[in-house]
Amino acid sequence: MNNKRRAVPGIRPYDGPAGGWGALKATAIAVRTQMDALEAPATLLRTNQPDGFDCPGCAWPDKEHKSTFQFCENGAKAVTWEATSKRVPPEFLAHNTVTSLLAKSDFELEGYGRLTHPLRYDRASDTFRPVEWEDAFERIGEVLRGLEPDQVEFYTSGRASNEAAWLFQLFAREYGTNNFPDCSNMCHKATSVGLPRSIGIGKGTVSLDDFDKTELVISIGHNPGTNHPRMMGTLHELARPGVPIHRPEPAARARAGTVCRSAERD
């Protein structure tokens, strides 16, 4: 089996800390390539709250809102991809087969922008063809009318707005079911099964306040710099007084132990 990764345009190795100036530069590049220069500041300075950036990148909680300019690289990138001015029109899909698109990375596909029409796969041409909104809703309704309500699961994304999630659940309840698995169910199903067998409880046993008193952080089996980057703020505060942060991990990825390098020089 060939484990060598295919080179992806726009992606290159990075050996620096997971946060700091490198993260700021990467965020600026993402904003510049995806969003209108005038719209970007207003969007990023009022994301999910009136003042500042409440990151949608992960589930790590915030005890309090400390700074208008408290950004998470992954969360800011997620916002730029959603608010991008780039569009994927039907003409693009007509000239690119699904087979050719499957050969591209998620990063490349994300960079093309947002879809503009409902689509349906055409097997003969191996392309997605646009359909009218009325036709799309009718096809969805046809499937739903052929099923019992409790046969259907209405999956919601953690990136959906509160307003969109509320309308979605209202529609499902009117349809006749309360089957609402969401991304938290999917992400934490393995946790809820595995942790009780190992430590006796299916969730964390500490609170954010416990980090204020800790004298050592050992992070095993996960990569905060990528998977829950809002933890970077907590690690940053711990690194200032010199609390050791260790992450035993064989995988060569962004190093949580060096994520606070800039804080150590403050």
Protein backbone atom coordinates (compact mmCIF):
# COMPACT_ATOMS: atom_id res chain seq x y z
CA MET A 1 0.00 0.00 0.00
CA ASN A 2 1.39 3.39 -1.00
CA ASN A 3 1.24 5.75 1.98
CA LYS A 4 2.88 8.67 0.19
CA ARG A 5 0.58 11.67 0.15
CA ARG A 6 -0.28 13.27 -3.17
CA ALA A 7 0.95 16.83 -3.49
CA VAL A 8 -1.94 19.28 -3.25
CA PRO A 9 -1.63 22.74 -4.83
CA GLY A 10 -1.58 25.40 -2.13
CA ILE A 11 -0.51 23.02 0.65
CA ARG A 12 3.07 22.62 1.81
CA PRO A 13 4.81 21.33 4.96
CA TYR A 14 4.82 23.68 7.94
CA ASP A 15 7.08 23.07 10.93
CA GLY A 16 6.23 26.13 13.00
CA PRO A 17 3.87 26.44 15.97
CA ALA A 18 0.18 25.78 15.38
CA GLY A 19 -0.65 29.36 16.44
CA GLY A 20 0.98 32.77 16.39
CA TRP A 21 2.18 34.76 13.37
CA GLY A 22 2.07 31.75 11.05
CA ALA A 23 -1.60 31.21 11.82
CA LEU A 24 -2.31 34.92 11.34
CA LYS A 25 -0.60 34.88 7.94
CA ALA A 26 -2.53 31.78 6.85
CA THR A 27 -5.80 33.41 7.91
CA ALA A 28 -4.97 36.59 5.99
CA ILE A 29 -4.25 34.57 2.85
CA ALA A 30 -7.55 32.70 3.18
CA VAL A 31 -9.45 35.97 3.62
CA ARG A 32 -7.72 37.59 0.65
CA THR A 33 -8.36 34.69 -1.71
CA GLN A 34 -11.97 33.96 -0.69
CA MET A 35 -13.70 37.18 0.35
CA ASP A 36 -14.28 40.72 -0.83
CA ALA A 37 -11.73 43.04 0.79
CA LEU A 38 -14.42 45.39 2.12
CA GLU A 39 -16.74 42.68 3.44
CA ALA A 40 -14.12 40.56 5.21
CA PRO A 41 -13.42 42.82 8.23
CA ALA A 42 -17.10 43.38 8.97
CA THR A 43 -17.81 39.64 8.73
CA LEU A 44 -14.92 38.48 10.91
CA LEU A 45 -15.44 41.16 13.56
CA ARG A 46 -19.07 40.14 14.11
CA THR A 47 -19.22 36.36 13.82
CA ASN A 48 -21.80 34.67 16.06
CA GLN A 49 -21.82 37.62 18.47
CA PRO A 50 -22.18 41.44 18.23
CA ASP A 51 -18.57 42.20 19.12
CA GLY A 52 -15.73 39.98 18.04
CA PHE A 53 -15.24 36.48 16.71
CA ASP A 54 -17.01 33.59 18.44
CA CYS A 55 -15.27 30.74 16.68
CA PRO A 56 -17.33 28.06 14.89
CA GLY A 57 -14.26 25.87 14.42
CA CYS A 58 -14.65 23.43 17.32
CA ALA A 59 -16.50 22.65 20.54
CA TRP A 60 -13.93 24.03 22.99
CA PRO A 61 -15.83 26.46 25.27
CA ASP A 62 -14.97 30.05 26.10
CA LYS A 63 -15.26 31.20 29.70
CA GLU A 64 -15.47 34.83 28.67
CA HIS A 65 -15.04 37.09 25.67
CA LYS A 66 -11.65 38.74 26.17
CA SER A 67 -10.77 40.46 22.91
CA THR A 68 -12.35 41.65 19.69
CA PHE A 69 -9.32 40.28 17.86
CA GLN A 70 -9.33 36.82 19.44
CA PHE A 71 -9.32 34.68 16.30
CA CYS A 72 -8.99 30.98 15.63
CA GLU A 73 -7.27 30.13 12.35
CA ASN A 74 -9.49 27.17 11.49
CA GLY A 75 -12.66 28.99 12.51
CA ALA A 76 -11.77 32.09 10.50
CA LYS A 77 -11.04 29.92 7.47
CA ALA A 78 -14.40 28.18 7.88
CA VAL A 79 -16.12 31.58 7.83
CA THR A 80 -14.23 32.67 4.69
CA TRP A 81 -15.26 29.48 2.89
CA GLU A 82 -18.91 30.06 3.80
CA ALA A 83 -18.88 33.80 3.03
CA THR A 84 -16.71 33.48 -0.08
CA SER A 85 -17.49 35.53 -3.15
CA LYS A 86 -16.47 32.62 -5.39
CA ARG A 87 -19.22 30.65 -7.13
CA VAL A 88 -19.51 27.27 -8.85
CA PRO A 89 -21.96 27.85 -11.73
CA PRO A 90 -23.60 25.11 -13.85
CA GLU A 91 -21.10 25.80 -16.63
CA PHE A 92 -18.22 24.69 -14.40
CA LEU A 93 -19.95 21.43 -13.52
CA ALA A 94 -20.88 20.78 -17.15
CA HIS A 95 -17.18 20.80 -18.08
CA ASN A 96 -15.92 18.80 -15.10
CA THR A 97 -16.99 15.19 -14.65
CA VAL A 98 -17.59 13.73 -11.21
CA THR A 99 -14.71 11.33 -11.86
CA SER A 100 -12.33 14.25 -12.41
CA LEU A 101 -13.63 16.08 -9.33
CA LEU A 102 -13.13 12.98 -7.19
CA ALA A 103 -9.43 13.11 -8.07
CA LYS A 104 -9.13 16.52 -6.42
CA SER A 105 -8.56 17.13 -2.71
CA ASP A 106 -11.15 18.60 -0.35
CA PHE A 107 -8.96 21.70 -0.16
CA GLU A 108 -9.08 22.18 -3.93
CA LEU A 109 -12.83 21.61 -4.14
CA GLU A 110 -13.48 24.06 -1.29
CA GLY A 111 -11.46 26.67 -3.15
CA TYR A 112 -13.85 26.73 -6.11
CA GLY A 113 -16.58 28.39 -4.03
CA ARG A 114 -20.30 27.93 -3.34
CA LEU A 115 -22.88 26.13 -5.47
CA THR A 116 -25.52 28.33 -7.10
CA HIS A 117 -28.19 25.79 -8.08
CA PRO A 118 -29.74 22.53 -6.88
CA LEU A 119 -28.03 19.68 -8.72
CA ARG A 120 -28.81 16.16 -9.87
CA TYR A 121 -26.30 13.57 -11.00
CA ASP A 122 -26.52 12.55 -14.66
CA ARG A 123 -25.05 9.08 -15.08
CA ALA A 124 -24.77 9.29 -18.87
CA SER A 125 -22.46 12.31 -18.82
CA ASP A 126 -20.97 11.72 -15.34
CA THR A 127 -21.76 15.32 -14.44
CA PHE A 128 -24.05 17.24 -12.13
CA ARG A 129 -26.89 18.98 -13.96
CA PRO A 130 -28.80 21.96 -12.53
CA VAL A 131 -32.49 21.63 -11.71
CA GLU A 132 -35.05 24.25 -10.77
CA TRP A 133 -35.72 24.82 -7.07
CA GLU A 134 -39.35 23.78 -7.47
CA ASP A 135 -38.26 20.50 -9.06
CA ALA A 136 -35.71 19.88 -6.29
CA PHE A 137 -38.29 20.42 -3.54
CA GLU A 138 -40.79 18.21 -5.36
CA ARG A 139 -38.29 15.36 -5.62
CA ILE A 140 -37.45 15.66 -1.92
CA GLY A 141 -41.14 15.72 -1.05
CA GLU A 142 -41.78 12.66 -3.20
CA VAL A 143 -39.23 10.67 -1.21
CA LEU A 144 -40.51 11.92 2.15
CA ARG A 145 -44.11 11.11 1.26
CA GLY A 146 -43.08 7.53 0.53
CA LEU A 147 -41.64 6.97 4.02
CA GLU A 148 -42.97 6.76 7.56
CA PRO A 149 -41.81 9.81 9.58
CA ASP A 150 -39.70 7.78 12.01
CA GLN A 151 -37.83 6.20 9.10
CA VAL A 152 -36.21 9.56 8.37
CA GLU A 153 -33.28 11.18 10.18
CA PHE A 154 -32.92 14.94 9.88
CA TYR A 155 -29.18 15.50 10.24
CA THR A 156 -28.00 18.99 11.14
CA SER A 157 -24.54 20.47 10.92
CA GLY A 158 -22.80 22.25 13.76
CA ARG A 159 -21.99 24.99 11.24
CA ALA A 160 -25.67 25.80 10.67
CA SER A 161 -27.00 29.02 12.14
CA ASN A 162 -29.43 28.94 15.06
CA GLU A 163 -32.15 30.26 12.76
CA ALA A 164 -31.57 27.58 10.13
CA ALA A 165 -31.45 24.82 12.76
CA TRP A 166 -34.70 26.06 14.32
CA LEU A 167 -36.52 26.05 10.97
CA PHE A 168 -35.13 22.61 10.17
CA GLN A 169 -36.39 21.05 13.41
CA LEU A 170 -39.76 22.77 12.99
CA PHE A 171 -40.12 21.26 9.53
CA ALA A 172 -39.21 17.79 10.88
CA ARG A 173 -41.71 18.04 13.72
CA GLU A 174 -44.42 19.08 11.29
CA TYR A 175 -43.43 16.07 9.21
CA GLY A 176 -44.00 13.91 12.30
CA THR A 177 -40.68 12.93 13.86
CA ASN A 178 -38.06 14.11 16.33
CA ASN A 179 -35.15 12.14 14.84
CA PHE A 180 -32.49 14.86 14.99
CA PRO A 181 -29.00 13.34 15.06
CA ASP A 182 -26.46 16.13 14.76
CA CYS A 183 -22.74 16.41 14.35
CA SER A 184 -22.21 16.08 18.11
CA ASN A 185 -23.91 12.68 18.05
CA MET A 186 -21.70 11.58 15.18
CA CYS A 187 -18.48 12.97 16.64
CA HIS A 188 -18.94 11.68 20.16
CA LYS A 189 -20.62 8.32 19.63
CA ALA A 190 -17.31 6.50 19.91
CA THR A 191 -16.49 8.56 23.01
CA SER A 192 -19.78 7.76 24.72
CA VAL A 193 -19.19 4.03 24.14
CA GLY A 194 -15.46 3.78 24.76
CA LEU A 195 -14.86 6.08 27.72
CA PRO A 196 -17.32 4.40 30.13
CA ARG A 197 -15.44 1.15 29.59
CA SER A 198 -12.08 2.77 30.32
CA ILE A 199 -12.67 5.52 32.91
CA GLY A 200 -16.29 4.91 33.91
CA ILE A 201 -17.84 8.03 32.40
CA GLY A 202 -18.57 9.06 28.83
CA LYS A 203 -17.37 12.65 28.99
CA GLY A 204 -14.72 14.87 30.52
CA THR A 205 -14.28 14.92 34.29
CA VAL A 206 -12.76 18.40 34.57
CA SER A 207 -13.96 21.94 33.96
CA LEU A 208 -12.29 24.97 32.42
CA ASP A 209 -11.68 26.32 35.92
CA ASP A 210 -9.44 23.31 36.62
CA PHE A 211 -6.97 24.59 34.02
CA ASP A 212 -6.39 27.66 36.20
CA LYS A 213 -4.97 25.39 38.91
CA THR A 214 -3.12 22.78 36.89
CA GLU A 215 0.65 22.36 37.08
CA LEU A 216 0.98 20.02 34.09
CA VAL A 217 -0.94 19.34 30.85
CA ILE A 218 -0.57 16.01 29.04
CA SER A 219 -2.45 15.79 25.74
CA ILE A 220 -2.68 12.22 24.44
CA GLY A 221 -4.24 10.96 21.23
CA HIS A 222 -5.42 14.24 19.74
CA ASN A 223 -4.03 17.29 18.04
CA PRO A 224 -5.33 20.57 19.52
CA GLY A 225 -3.66 22.68 16.84
CA THR A 226 -5.93 21.18 14.19
CA ASN A 227 -8.90 19.47 15.82
CA HIS A 228 -9.94 21.88 18.57
CA PRO A 229 -7.92 25.05 18.03
CA ARG A 230 -9.85 27.13 20.54
CA MET A 231 -7.90 25.20 23.16
CA MET A 232 -4.92 27.24 21.97
CA GLY A 233 -6.11 30.20 24.05
CA THR A 234 -6.14 28.06 27.19
CA LEU A 235 -2.70 26.63 26.42
CA HIS A 236 -1.42 30.13 25.72
CA GLU A 237 -2.43 31.27 29.20
CA LEU A 238 -0.84 28.19 30.78
CA ALA A 239 2.44 28.67 28.92
CA ARG A 240 2.92 32.22 30.24
CA PRO A 241 3.80 31.14 33.81
CA GLY A 242 5.70 28.12 32.47
CA VAL A 243 3.24 25.26 32.95
CA PRO A 244 4.69 22.25 31.04
CA ILE A 245 2.59 21.07 28.07
CA HIS A 246 3.37 17.60 26.74
CA ARG A 247 1.80 15.82 23.80
CA PRO A 248 3.17 12.30 23.29
CA GLU A 249 2.09 11.54 19.74
CA PRO A 250 3.82 9.46 17.03
CA ALA A 251 2.12 11.32 14.18
CA ALA A 252 4.16 14.20 12.80
CA ARG A 253 1.64 17.05 12.90
CA ALA A 254 1.42 20.54 14.40
CA ARG A 255 2.97 20.36 17.85
CA ALA A 256 0.81 21.41 20.77
CA GLY A 257 3.95 21.55 22.90
CA THR A 258 5.31 24.38 20.74
CA VAL A 259 2.04 26.14 20.05
CA CYS A 260 2.73 28.77 22.70
CA ARG A 261 6.25 29.62 21.63
CA SER A 262 5.38 33.30 21.19
CA ALA A 263 3.80 33.42 24.67
CA GLU A 264 7.01 32.20 26.25
CA ARG A 265 8.79 35.29 24.92
CA ASP A 266 6.23 37.74 26.36
